[in-house]
Every structure is written in structure tokens, then in C-alpha cells.
Amino acid sequence: MTEKTGDILIVDDERDIRELVSDILEDEGFTTRLAGTSDEAMSQVTAAQPALMILDIWLKDSNMDGIDILKVVKKDYPDVPVVIISGHGNVEIAVAAIKQGAYDFIEKPFNIDQLMVVIRRAMETSRLRHENQVLKRQDSKSTEMIGSSAPFKGLVSQLEKVTKSNGRVMLCGPAGSGKEVAARYIHAHSNRSSAPFVTVNCAGVEPERMEEVLFGSESTERGVEPGLLEQANGGIVYFDEVADMPMGTQSKILRVLVDQSFTRVGGRDAQKVDLRVISSTSKDLEQEIAADRFRQELFHRLNVVPISVPSLEERREDIPTLAEHFINELNETQGLPQRKLSDEAVALMQTMTWPGNVRQLKNLIERVLILGDSSGDIDAKELPGNEAPSEEEGRVVLSGSLATLPLREAREAFEREYLLTQINRFGGNISRTATFVGMERSALHRKLKSLGVVTSNKAGNRVARVDEVEET
């Protein structure tokens, strides 16, 4: 089926009425199509989804009346606004039409100016919905997982296992670590990939508006306004930072998970939905439960498959690959220079602390590309916090504590910190560390032992720490 974003389908059994409305709209620059019966109307809708329908309630010689057509259209094409017109207008008919999803109701004989105001508003709604769908489709393409470290491979392996199921997933990890990218990866590789992926920013919605945002609303003044759950029907709804969801909303979401239905704010009829739920959190939900800020039953409903997303410091090996990816992406999307990273810049980035994780890395790369030169490799001096002294090039600046130690103790402290940094930089890989620092592997092992540095497995990756020197 093709889709048009600017045409209006006029359905009325009176030829004079539909042609009059068509002439008026075409004079205003709109494209129109006409139908005189329910069969013609449904055939037109099926052939090409219109941007808007103007629909008469009473249709002579038809199998369906306007309300029947409205029900079908709102079920199969929920984004199409429908303006109902009728020569037998009364409150009951208007209310019935609005409850079934009509955008507005106009009584015949209608005022042309009034009709045009309603149509322009409805066409703007149609345009915004269309743009929203396009943005969602584009946004859903942001699913590329970048990395090759052991913790990253472990994450991807877990994600692969849940893509084909319908189980609820809880993604846990620090802010900026890529939890939403992981959720989108699940969506893109699932059997719901062609359906919507809708994000609910639990921390970004005012608590008093959360239920209207989630469940939608209906009223005689504004008609039906679908919420995010309705928009996600058939696809995936992603609760970002679910710990920040208001307590009152939590109990209602729990009911949605049980019944797969809800009622719009101001409405009476239950709306059935088919949803897969993925949630994320950077907080300890068990602590939130203990503090009475999160419902334990909701936690158990959402936490069917918990998956841990590693921090950037747990996957330092991926920093060069991620940085290169962001350079290419920023070149394509913003036209920023496509520069390469020098070996010194890579080494420095792998030793830095990253409290903001992957998000912080991307921001750093963007800052360097904006403020730095337009050509040449990115040098370590360009990285924030690493501006070298201008007159004393080549000097190593000692910390106050190191400068007060005798030479032997200072050398040991420096060697310990240096080797800790390099081991963690290479993900605990002793062979790669030994090659970089210029030592035989066995010699490096002896040096680490003498300095009290031990390595251990953490989240599928080896990390180093200072410990007591083991007795031989």
C-alpha cells in the first residue's frame, strides 16, 4: 500500500456536498479524493492511506454507516484524523463519534470558515504524526553495537538470546553506558522490528502528566489523543530509568502488564494492546523497594531477564573503536572534520576516568572536533585536562605525595600506578601489556608480584588492583 501525506478523502452520499467540499479544499491547495458509499470509502483507504478523512455519518445504499467506517479506520489506520459531518447533529451522535476516535464533529449545513479551521488543524495533526513516525523509523536504525572487548561480547551474547522471545528485559548499568542502544538492538533483531519502538522517559515527564502521556486522553473538547502505550501497540515500549516512574503510575502499569489493556484518561472503554516491555535503570531497584520508592511486584514483573550493561571503564579496549565510530558519525551528520586519533591520544583516553561512560566519550570527541584543527591527527594535548605546559615541554609533573617520597619508594609507586593503568587499559591482557611496556611476560609477572599488583576476573574482563604481596 502506498501512503500520501497531503490528500483528503471526502465520504458523503450527497454528490453536491462532496464536490462542493472538494472544490473548496482544492482552491486551498489540497488534493482530494471522493467516495459516495462505504465500499468506495474502504476501497480508497485501502488503496492509499489518506492524510485526513471527512466522513458523513449517514450513507444511503451502503453496508456501513459513518460510525462503522470510523471504527475500522481508527483500528487499522490510527494515525488518520477523521472529521465527522452530519445533517442530523445532536450531542449523542457527537459524543459517540468522539469516543470512537473522531478528530472533530461538524453539523450540516456547516460554515465554510469553521470547516477550514478544523481541516487545517486536523491536517497539521496528520503532518506531525507522519513526521513522528518517520523519526521513529530513523531512530530505530540507531542499533549498531560497537566493540570487541570481552564484556561487550558477553553483553551482545545475552542480547541475542532474548531477541526472539517476548520476555520482559531489565537493562541495568550506569548512566551513559548504552542501555537504550541495547534495547533498540533487541527491537531491531526481534519479530517486532517492523512495529514501533516507543521510549518512555520516566525521569523527564512531570509526575502529574505521566498517566496522560502513557495512556492518552479523550474529551469532547480535544477528542481522542492516543498515549505512548497505544502508539507502541504491536511493538516495544521502553521504560527508560523506570525507577523514576511515579508510585501511583507504577500500580497502573502493573495492571497493564497483567491485563494488556488500559483506559484513557477521561475515557471509559478499555483499550487492548499487544506490547513487549523493556526497562532500564541506573539505580539499585532492590534499594528503591526497601525505601518504598518502587513496587516490589512491578520489579518482579519487569525483571524477568536482567542484563547488565558494562561501563566504559570495564571495556576500555573498545575506546579506540568507539571514538573512530563517533568521528565518522559526526562527520556524516554534522560535517565535522574526519580526523584520526594519534597513538598518544588513544593511550591517554584508555587511561582516563569515564563517569559519563560512552555518552561522555562521544561528547569529548565532538568537543575536540569542533574546537580543534580541521586537519591532522588528534593529539593528546587536545584532550580536555591534558594541556601540556607551554615552556617546559617533556617534563613530567609530579603529584605532591610522590614528590615527598624517597627515590626508591617514588619509583615503586610510579611503577605500580603505571602498570595498573596499562593492565586495565588492555582489559587485563598480560601479553598485550607486556608487549606495550617492553617487557617479557614472565618478567612482567614478577614485577607485578613484587609491587603487590594482582589481577582478577570481573564481568568477563580481567582487572588489576593493588593487594598485599603474596608470600612465596
Protein backbone atom coordinates (compact mmCIF):
# COMPACT_ATOMS: atom_id res chain seq x y z
CA MET A 1 0.00 0.00 0.00
CA THR A 2 1.27 3.46 -0.88
CA GLU A 3 0.94 6.38 1.51
CA LYS A 4 0.15 10.01 0.76
CA THR A 5 0.77 12.75 3.27
CA GLY A 6 -1.35 15.54 1.76
CA ASP A 7 -4.60 14.22 0.28
CA ILE A 8 -8.07 14.33 1.87
CA LEU A 9 -10.71 11.65 1.37
CA ILE A 10 -14.27 13.06 1.34
CA VAL A 11 -17.02 10.50 2.02
CA ASP A 12 -20.62 11.68 1.58
CA ASP A 13 -23.63 10.12 -0.15
CA GLU A 14 -24.70 13.53 -1.49
CA ARG A 15 -22.74 14.25 -4.67
CA ASP A 16 -23.27 18.02 -4.42
CA ILE A 17 -21.87 18.12 -0.87
CA ARG A 18 -18.72 16.10 -1.57
CA GLU A 19 -17.97 18.03 -4.78
CA LEU A 20 -18.55 21.37 -3.06
CA VAL A 21 -16.17 20.46 -0.22
CA SER A 22 -13.66 19.14 -2.75
CA ASP A 23 -13.74 22.38 -4.79
CA ILE A 24 -13.21 24.47 -1.64
CA LEU A 25 -10.29 22.34 -0.48
CA GLU A 26 -8.63 22.24 -3.90
CA ASP A 27 -8.87 26.04 -4.06
CA GLU A 28 -6.89 26.00 -0.79
CA GLY A 29 -4.20 23.80 -2.34
CA PHE A 30 -5.25 20.39 -1.02
CA THR A 31 -5.56 17.21 -3.07
CA THR A 32 -8.86 15.37 -2.65
CA ARG A 33 -10.48 12.02 -3.39
CA LEU A 34 -14.20 11.32 -3.31
CA ALA A 35 -16.37 8.38 -2.21
CA GLY A 36 -20.17 8.08 -2.11
CA THR A 37 -20.60 4.71 -0.37
CA SER A 38 -18.93 2.73 2.38
CA ASP A 39 -17.50 0.25 -0.15
CA GLU A 40 -15.96 3.07 -2.17
CA ALA A 41 -14.58 4.67 1.01
CA MET A 42 -12.90 1.48 2.25
CA SER A 43 -11.52 0.77 -1.22
CA GLN A 44 -9.98 4.25 -1.32
CA VAL A 45 -8.48 3.92 2.16
CA THR A 46 -7.00 0.51 1.37
CA ALA A 47 -5.53 1.72 -1.94
CA ALA A 48 -3.73 4.69 -0.34
CA GLN A 49 -3.89 5.89 3.25
CA PRO A 50 -5.19 9.49 3.24
CA ALA A 51 -3.86 12.28 5.38
CA LEU A 52 -7.41 13.09 6.55
CA MET A 53 -10.97 11.79 6.16
CA ILE A 54 -14.11 13.94 6.07
CA LEU A 55 -16.85 11.41 6.78
CA ASP A 56 -20.64 11.71 6.72
CA ILE A 57 -22.41 9.63 9.37
CA TRP A 58 -25.47 8.70 7.26
CA LEU A 59 -24.62 6.96 3.98
CA LYS A 60 -27.51 5.77 1.77
CA ASP A 61 -27.23 2.46 -0.06
CA SER A 62 -24.19 1.41 1.99
CA ASN A 63 -23.32 -1.63 4.08
CA MET A 64 -21.73 0.52 6.79
CA ASP A 65 -22.60 3.87 8.29
CA GLY A 66 -20.06 6.54 9.22
CA ILE A 67 -19.53 5.24 12.76
CA ASP A 68 -18.81 1.73 11.42
CA ILE A 69 -16.27 3.14 8.95
CA LEU A 70 -14.74 5.26 11.72
CA LYS A 71 -14.22 2.18 13.91
CA VAL A 72 -12.45 0.29 11.13
CA VAL A 73 -10.26 3.22 10.12
CA LYS A 74 -9.19 4.00 13.70
CA LYS A 75 -8.38 0.32 14.24
CA ASP A 76 -6.36 -0.21 11.06
CA TYR A 77 -5.08 3.35 10.45
CA PRO A 78 -5.00 5.01 13.89
CA ASP A 79 -2.90 7.97 12.71
CA VAL A 80 -5.52 9.17 10.17
CA PRO A 81 -7.62 12.03 11.65
CA VAL A 82 -11.35 11.68 10.86
CA VAL A 83 -13.69 14.70 10.83
CA ILE A 84 -17.35 13.63 11.11
CA ILE A 85 -20.08 15.67 9.37
CA SER A 86 -23.81 15.13 9.75
CA GLY A 87 -27.07 16.83 8.88
CA HIS A 88 -28.70 15.22 11.91
CA GLY A 89 -26.36 16.54 14.54
CA ASN A 90 -27.05 16.05 18.20
CA VAL A 91 -24.99 15.64 21.34
CA GLU A 92 -25.37 11.85 21.43
CA ILE A 93 -24.02 11.41 17.89
CA ALA A 94 -21.14 13.80 18.54
CA VAL A 95 -20.16 12.03 21.75
CA ALA A 96 -20.38 8.62 20.06
CA ALA A 97 -18.12 9.81 17.22
CA ILE A 98 -15.54 11.34 19.57
CA LYS A 99 -15.48 8.18 21.73
CA GLN A 100 -14.72 6.10 18.65
CA GLY A 101 -11.74 8.30 17.83
CA ALA A 102 -13.12 11.09 15.58
CA TYR A 103 -10.93 14.20 15.50
CA ASP A 104 -13.95 16.55 15.46
CA PHE A 105 -17.68 16.73 14.66
CA ILE A 106 -19.29 19.36 12.38
CA GLU A 107 -23.04 19.75 11.82
CA LYS A 108 -24.54 20.45 8.39
CA PRO A 109 -25.09 22.97 6.98
CA PHE A 110 -21.58 23.94 8.03
CA ASN A 111 -19.87 27.28 7.94
CA ILE A 112 -17.01 27.17 5.39
CA ASP A 113 -14.66 29.15 7.62
CA GLN A 114 -15.36 26.80 10.53
CA LEU A 115 -14.79 23.79 8.30
CA MET A 116 -11.43 25.15 7.09
CA VAL A 117 -10.24 25.86 10.64
CA VAL A 118 -10.99 22.27 11.66
CA ILE A 119 -9.41 20.82 8.49
CA ARG A 120 -6.22 22.86 8.85
CA ARG A 121 -5.89 21.76 12.48
CA ALA A 122 -6.52 18.14 11.53
CA MET A 123 -4.02 18.30 8.63
CA GLU A 124 -1.39 19.72 10.98
CA THR A 125 -2.07 16.82 13.35
CA SER A 126 -1.70 14.42 10.42
CA ARG A 127 1.58 16.03 9.37
CA LEU A 128 3.03 15.86 12.87
CA ARG A 129 2.01 12.22 13.25
CA HIS A 130 3.60 11.38 9.91
CA GLU A 131 6.83 13.16 10.84
CA ASN A 132 6.81 11.40 14.21
CA GLN A 133 6.55 8.02 12.50
CA VAL A 134 9.39 8.90 10.12
CA LEU A 135 11.57 9.99 13.04
CA LYS A 136 10.76 6.80 14.91
CA ARG A 137 11.78 4.70 11.90
CA GLN A 138 15.02 6.66 11.56
CA ASP A 139 15.66 6.48 15.28
CA SER A 140 15.16 2.74 15.26
CA LYS A 141 18.15 2.46 12.92
CA SER A 142 20.44 3.55 15.80
CA THR A 143 21.02 -0.02 16.85
CA GLU A 144 24.64 -0.61 15.89
CA MET A 145 26.62 -2.21 18.70
CA ILE A 146 30.29 -1.16 18.63
CA GLY A 147 33.06 -3.09 20.40
CA SER A 148 35.11 -6.26 20.66
CA SER A 149 36.10 -6.48 24.34
CA ALA A 150 35.13 -9.50 26.44
CA PRO A 151 32.48 -7.62 28.50
CA PHE A 152 30.96 -6.21 25.30
CA LYS A 153 30.84 -9.62 23.62
CA GLY A 154 29.19 -11.01 26.74
CA LEU A 155 26.53 -8.29 26.54
CA VAL A 156 25.80 -8.95 22.87
CA SER A 157 25.57 -12.69 23.55
CA GLN A 158 22.92 -12.06 26.21
CA LEU A 159 21.01 -9.67 23.95
CA GLU A 160 20.97 -12.23 21.14
CA LYS A 161 19.36 -14.77 23.44
CA VAL A 162 16.38 -12.53 24.20
CA THR A 163 15.72 -11.03 20.76
CA LYS A 164 13.41 -13.80 19.54
CA SER A 165 11.45 -14.19 22.77
CA ASN A 166 8.71 -11.97 24.13
CA GLY A 167 10.14 -11.89 27.65
CA ARG A 168 10.48 -8.67 29.59
CA VAL A 169 14.06 -7.44 29.91
CA MET A 170 15.61 -5.22 32.57
CA LEU A 171 18.82 -3.47 31.45
CA CYS A 172 20.97 -2.38 34.39
CA GLY A 173 24.02 -0.18 34.12
CA PRO A 174 25.42 3.29 34.83
CA ALA A 175 24.11 6.38 33.05
CA GLY A 176 25.52 6.82 29.56
CA SER A 177 26.63 3.21 29.17
CA GLY A 178 24.32 2.50 26.21
CA LYS A 179 21.23 0.88 27.71
CA GLU A 180 18.88 2.40 25.13
CA VAL A 181 21.12 1.25 22.26
CA ALA A 182 20.94 -2.26 23.74
CA ALA A 183 17.13 -2.01 23.91
CA ARG A 184 16.97 -0.87 20.29
CA TYR A 185 19.24 -3.75 19.32
CA ILE A 186 16.74 -6.19 20.82
CA HIS A 187 13.92 -4.48 18.90
CA ALA A 188 15.79 -4.44 15.57
CA HIS A 189 16.55 -8.17 15.77
CA SER A 190 13.15 -9.26 17.09
CA ASN A 191 10.00 -10.33 15.29
CA ARG A 192 8.59 -6.89 16.20
CA SER A 193 11.26 -4.97 14.26
CA SER A 194 8.72 -3.56 11.77
CA ALA A 195 6.46 -2.36 14.63
CA PRO A 196 7.05 0.79 16.74
CA PHE A 197 9.77 1.24 19.36
CA VAL A 198 8.46 3.86 21.78
CA THR A 199 10.58 5.34 24.57
CA VAL A 200 9.03 6.49 27.83
CA ASN A 201 11.44 8.88 29.57
CA CYS A 202 10.32 8.19 33.13
CA ALA A 203 12.61 10.86 34.58
CA GLY A 204 11.65 13.51 32.03
CA VAL A 205 7.84 13.54 32.37
CA GLU A 206 6.14 15.55 35.11
CA PRO A 207 4.52 13.12 37.58
CA GLU A 208 1.09 14.73 37.22
CA ARG A 209 1.22 14.22 33.42
CA MET A 210 2.65 10.71 33.38
CA GLU A 211 -0.68 8.87 33.12
CA GLU A 212 -1.94 11.10 30.31
CA VAL A 213 1.35 10.64 28.45
CA LEU A 214 1.21 6.86 28.85
CA PHE A 215 -2.50 6.10 28.49
CA GLY A 216 -3.68 9.03 26.35
CA SER A 217 -6.84 11.01 26.92
CA GLU A 218 -10.27 11.64 25.44
CA SER A 219 -12.64 14.56 25.84
CA THR A 220 -15.36 16.34 23.90
CA GLU A 221 -13.07 19.37 23.53
CA ARG A 222 -9.90 17.69 22.22
CA GLY A 223 -11.17 14.34 21.01
CA VAL A 224 -9.02 11.23 21.37
CA GLU A 225 -5.30 11.70 21.92
CA PRO A 226 -3.50 8.34 21.96
CA GLY A 227 -0.81 7.86 24.61
CA LEU A 228 2.58 6.24 24.23
CA LEU A 229 1.29 2.75 25.08
CA GLU A 230 -1.27 2.98 22.29
CA GLN A 231 1.38 4.26 19.89
CA ALA A 232 3.59 1.27 20.77
CA ASN A 233 0.83 -1.28 20.11
CA GLY A 234 2.29 -4.33 18.38
CA GLY A 235 5.84 -3.24 19.15
CA ILE A 236 8.08 -2.47 22.10
CA VAL A 237 7.68 0.10 24.84
CA TYR A 238 10.94 1.05 26.55
CA PHE A 239 10.76 2.45 30.08
CA ASP A 240 13.97 4.47 30.38
CA GLU A 241 15.06 4.91 34.03
CA VAL A 242 11.99 3.08 35.29
CA ALA A 243 12.96 3.76 38.93
CA ASP A 244 11.81 7.37 38.39
CA MET A 245 8.25 6.36 37.49
CA PRO A 246 5.75 7.85 40.00
CA MET A 247 4.42 5.34 42.54
CA GLY A 248 0.81 5.93 41.52
CA THR A 249 1.61 5.18 37.88
CA GLN A 250 3.54 2.05 38.86
CA SER A 251 0.40 0.35 40.13
CA LYS A 252 -1.45 1.14 36.88
CA ILE A 253 1.44 -0.11 34.72
CA LEU A 254 1.37 -3.29 36.76
CA ARG A 255 -2.29 -3.72 35.78
CA VAL A 256 -1.41 -3.12 32.11
CA LEU A 257 1.23 -5.86 32.28
CA VAL A 258 -1.32 -8.27 33.72
CA ASP A 259 -4.32 -7.40 31.50
CA GLN A 260 -2.61 -5.96 28.40
CA SER A 261 -5.26 -3.24 28.47
CA PHE A 262 -5.86 0.21 29.95
CA THR A 263 -8.35 3.07 29.92
CA ARG A 264 -7.53 6.51 28.56
CA VAL A 265 -7.67 9.44 30.97
CA GLY A 266 -11.24 10.71 30.78
CA GLY A 267 -12.42 7.61 28.94
CA ARG A 268 -14.46 4.57 29.90
CA ASP A 269 -13.66 1.84 27.36
CA ALA A 270 -10.68 -0.47 27.83
CA GLN A 271 -8.04 -0.29 25.09
CA LYS A 272 -6.37 -3.61 24.33
CA VAL A 273 -2.67 -3.55 23.44
CA ASP A 274 -0.03 -6.08 22.44
CA LEU A 275 3.27 -4.89 23.90
CA ARG A 276 6.69 -6.17 24.74
CA VAL A 277 8.26 -4.26 27.62
CA ILE A 278 11.96 -3.44 28.06
CA SER A 279 13.07 -1.36 31.04
CA SER A 280 16.33 0.18 32.18
CA THR A 281 17.71 1.61 35.37
CA SER A 282 20.96 3.04 36.71
CA LYS A 283 19.68 2.66 40.28
CA ASP A 284 19.61 -0.36 42.58
CA LEU A 285 15.91 -1.27 42.42
CA GLU A 286 16.12 -3.50 45.48
CA GLN A 287 17.29 -0.47 47.47
CA GLU A 288 14.46 1.55 45.94
CA ILE A 289 12.00 -1.15 47.04
CA ALA A 290 13.42 -1.11 50.57
CA ALA A 291 12.94 2.68 50.65
CA ASP A 292 9.30 2.32 49.47
CA ARG A 293 10.03 4.14 46.22
CA PHE A 294 9.41 1.19 43.89
CA ARG A 295 6.79 -1.55 43.96
CA GLN A 296 8.22 -4.98 44.54
CA GLU A 297 5.56 -6.72 42.44
CA LEU A 298 6.29 -4.43 39.48
CA PHE A 299 10.00 -5.17 39.86
CA HIS A 300 9.35 -8.91 39.60
CA ARG A 301 7.13 -8.36 36.53
CA LEU A 302 9.77 -6.28 34.75
CA ASN A 303 12.90 -8.10 35.90
CA VAL A 304 12.20 -11.39 34.07
CA VAL A 305 15.54 -11.29 32.22
CA PRO A 306 18.07 -8.96 33.91
CA ILE A 307 21.01 -7.94 31.70
CA SER A 308 23.96 -5.89 32.92
CA VAL A 309 25.35 -3.25 30.55
CA PRO A 310 29.07 -2.69 31.33
CA SER A 311 30.52 0.74 32.00
CA LEU A 312 33.09 2.20 29.60
CA GLU A 313 35.84 1.65 32.17
CA GLU A 314 35.02 -2.08 32.09
CA ARG A 315 35.54 -2.10 28.33
CA ARG A 316 38.49 0.25 27.81
CA GLU A 317 39.66 -1.83 24.84
CA ASP A 318 36.63 -0.55 22.92
CA ILE A 319 37.51 3.14 23.35
CA PRO A 320 39.54 3.48 20.08
CA THR A 321 36.81 1.74 18.05
CA LEU A 322 34.04 3.79 19.65
CA ALA A 323 35.98 7.04 19.16
CA GLU A 324 36.53 6.27 15.48
CA HIS A 325 32.85 5.44 15.09
CA PHE A 326 31.83 8.78 16.63
CA ILE A 327 34.28 10.70 14.41
CA ASN A 328 32.72 9.12 11.31
CA GLU A 329 29.19 9.67 12.60
CA LEU A 330 29.81 13.35 13.44
CA ASN A 331 31.37 13.86 10.02
CA GLU A 332 28.26 12.42 8.32
CA THR A 333 25.65 14.14 10.48
CA GLN A 334 27.29 17.49 11.28
CA GLY A 335 30.06 17.85 8.71
CA LEU A 336 32.77 17.94 11.39
CA PRO A 337 36.35 17.12 10.31
CA GLN A 338 37.12 13.43 9.82
CA ARG A 339 40.38 13.24 11.74
CA LYS A 340 42.32 10.28 13.07
CA LEU A 341 43.43 9.72 16.65
CA SER A 342 47.13 9.70 17.38
CA ASP A 343 48.54 6.76 19.33
CA GLU A 344 49.20 9.12 22.25
CA ALA A 345 45.59 10.31 22.27
CA VAL A 346 44.31 6.73 22.22
CA ALA A 347 46.62 5.74 25.07
CA LEU A 348 45.50 8.71 27.14
CA MET A 349 41.80 8.08 26.56
CA GLN A 350 42.22 4.47 27.65
CA THR A 351 43.67 5.64 30.97
CA MET A 352 41.14 8.41 31.71
CA THR A 353 38.20 8.02 34.06
CA TRP A 354 34.77 7.99 32.39
CA PRO A 355 31.96 8.69 34.87
CA GLY A 356 29.69 9.60 31.94
CA ASN A 357 30.63 6.44 30.04
CA VAL A 358 30.02 6.15 26.27
CA ARG A 359 27.94 9.34 26.24
CA GLN A 360 30.86 11.25 27.76
CA LEU A 361 33.25 9.80 25.17
CA LYS A 362 31.01 10.95 22.32
CA ASN A 363 30.74 14.44 23.84
CA LEU A 364 34.52 14.63 24.21
CA ILE A 365 35.07 13.65 20.57
CA GLU A 366 32.52 16.23 19.42
CA ARG A 367 34.17 18.94 21.50
CA VAL A 368 37.62 18.15 20.11
CA LEU A 369 36.37 18.15 16.51
CA ILE A 370 34.60 21.49 16.98
CA LEU A 371 37.41 23.31 18.81
CA GLY A 372 40.45 21.63 17.26
CA ASP A 373 42.17 21.87 13.91
CA SER A 374 40.35 20.84 10.77
CA SER A 375 43.15 18.50 9.66
CA GLY A 376 45.87 16.32 11.08
CA ASP A 377 45.71 13.67 13.77
CA ILE A 378 44.05 14.40 17.10
CA ASP A 379 46.89 14.83 19.58
CA ALA A 380 46.80 14.05 23.29
CA LYS A 381 47.25 17.76 24.04
CA GLU A 382 43.82 18.45 22.53
CA LEU A 383 42.03 16.27 25.05
CA PRO A 384 40.41 18.13 27.96
CA GLY A 385 42.53 18.29 31.10
CA ASN A 386 45.73 17.32 29.27
CA GLU A 387 47.03 20.69 28.18
CA ALA A 388 50.83 20.41 28.44
CA PRO A 389 52.98 23.24 29.90
CA SER A 390 53.93 25.60 27.07
CA GLU A 391 57.51 26.32 28.13
CA GLU A 392 58.56 23.05 29.75
CA GLU A 393 57.81 20.51 27.07
CA GLY A 394 58.68 16.95 28.01
CA ARG A 395 58.55 17.41 31.78
CA VAL A 396 56.57 15.04 33.96
CA VAL A 397 54.69 16.91 36.68
CA LEU A 398 54.88 15.02 39.99
CA SER A 399 51.99 14.90 42.41
CA GLY A 400 52.63 16.39 45.83
CA SER A 401 52.63 12.99 47.57
CA LEU A 402 55.05 11.44 45.06
CA ALA A 403 57.46 14.37 45.29
CA THR A 404 57.87 13.87 49.05
CA LEU A 405 58.95 10.19 48.82
CA PRO A 406 62.49 8.85 48.71
CA LEU A 407 63.61 7.83 45.21
CA ARG A 408 63.07 4.06 45.70
CA GLU A 409 59.56 4.43 47.13
CA ALA A 410 58.62 7.02 44.49
CA ARG A 411 59.85 4.70 41.72
CA GLU A 412 57.83 1.80 43.11
CA ALA A 413 54.71 3.96 43.47
CA PHE A 414 55.13 5.21 39.91
CA GLU A 415 55.71 1.70 38.51
CA ARG A 416 52.71 0.33 40.41
CA GLU A 417 50.36 3.04 39.14
CA TYR A 418 51.77 2.88 35.62
CA LEU A 419 51.37 -0.90 35.35
CA LEU A 420 47.91 -0.83 36.93
CA THR A 421 46.87 1.72 34.33
CA GLN A 422 48.30 -0.25 31.40
CA ILE A 423 46.83 -3.59 32.52
CA ASN A 424 43.37 -2.09 32.90
CA ARG A 425 43.82 -0.25 29.61
CA PHE A 426 44.33 -3.59 27.83
CA GLY A 427 41.45 -5.29 29.64
CA GLY A 428 43.74 -7.32 31.90
CA ASN A 429 45.58 -8.91 28.94
CA ILE A 430 49.09 -9.53 30.33
CA SER A 431 50.61 -10.43 26.95
CA ARG A 432 49.46 -7.18 25.31
CA THR A 433 50.52 -5.18 28.36
CA ALA A 434 53.98 -6.79 28.32
CA THR A 435 54.39 -6.01 24.62
CA PHE A 436 53.39 -2.38 25.10
CA VAL A 437 55.63 -1.71 28.13
CA GLY A 438 58.56 -3.58 26.52
CA MET A 439 58.94 -6.46 28.97
CA GLU A 440 58.92 -10.23 28.73
CA ARG A 441 55.68 -11.68 30.04
CA SER A 442 57.43 -13.63 32.79
CA ALA A 443 59.36 -10.52 33.84
CA LEU A 444 56.14 -8.55 34.00
CA HIS A 445 54.55 -11.21 36.21
CA ARG A 446 57.50 -10.99 38.60
CA LYS A 447 57.36 -7.21 38.63
CA LEU A 448 53.62 -7.21 39.37
CA LYS A 449 54.11 -9.66 42.20
CA SER A 450 56.88 -7.58 43.74
CA LEU A 451 54.70 -4.46 43.56
CA GLY A 452 51.67 -6.19 45.09
CA VAL A 453 49.55 -5.97 41.94
CA VAL A 454 47.12 -8.84 41.34
CA THR A 455 44.66 -9.41 38.50
CA SER A 456 41.16 -10.86 38.82
CA ASN A 457 38.14 -11.52 36.64
CA LYS A 458 35.29 -9.00 36.73
CA ALA A 459 32.29 -9.06 34.37
CA GLY A 460 34.15 -11.29 31.93
CA ASN A 461 37.19 -8.99 31.91
CA ARG A 462 40.44 -9.12 33.87
CA VAL A 463 41.17 -6.09 36.03
CA ALA A 464 44.16 -5.22 38.16
CA ARG A 465 44.30 -3.92 41.70
CA VAL A 466 46.83 -3.38 44.45
CA ASP A 467 47.00 -6.13 47.05
CA GLU A 468 49.40 -7.42 49.63
CA VAL A 469 52.40 -9.12 48.08
CA GLU A 470 51.82 -12.86 48.19
CA GLU A 471 54.31 -14.89 50.18
CA THR A 472 56.20 -17.47 48.16
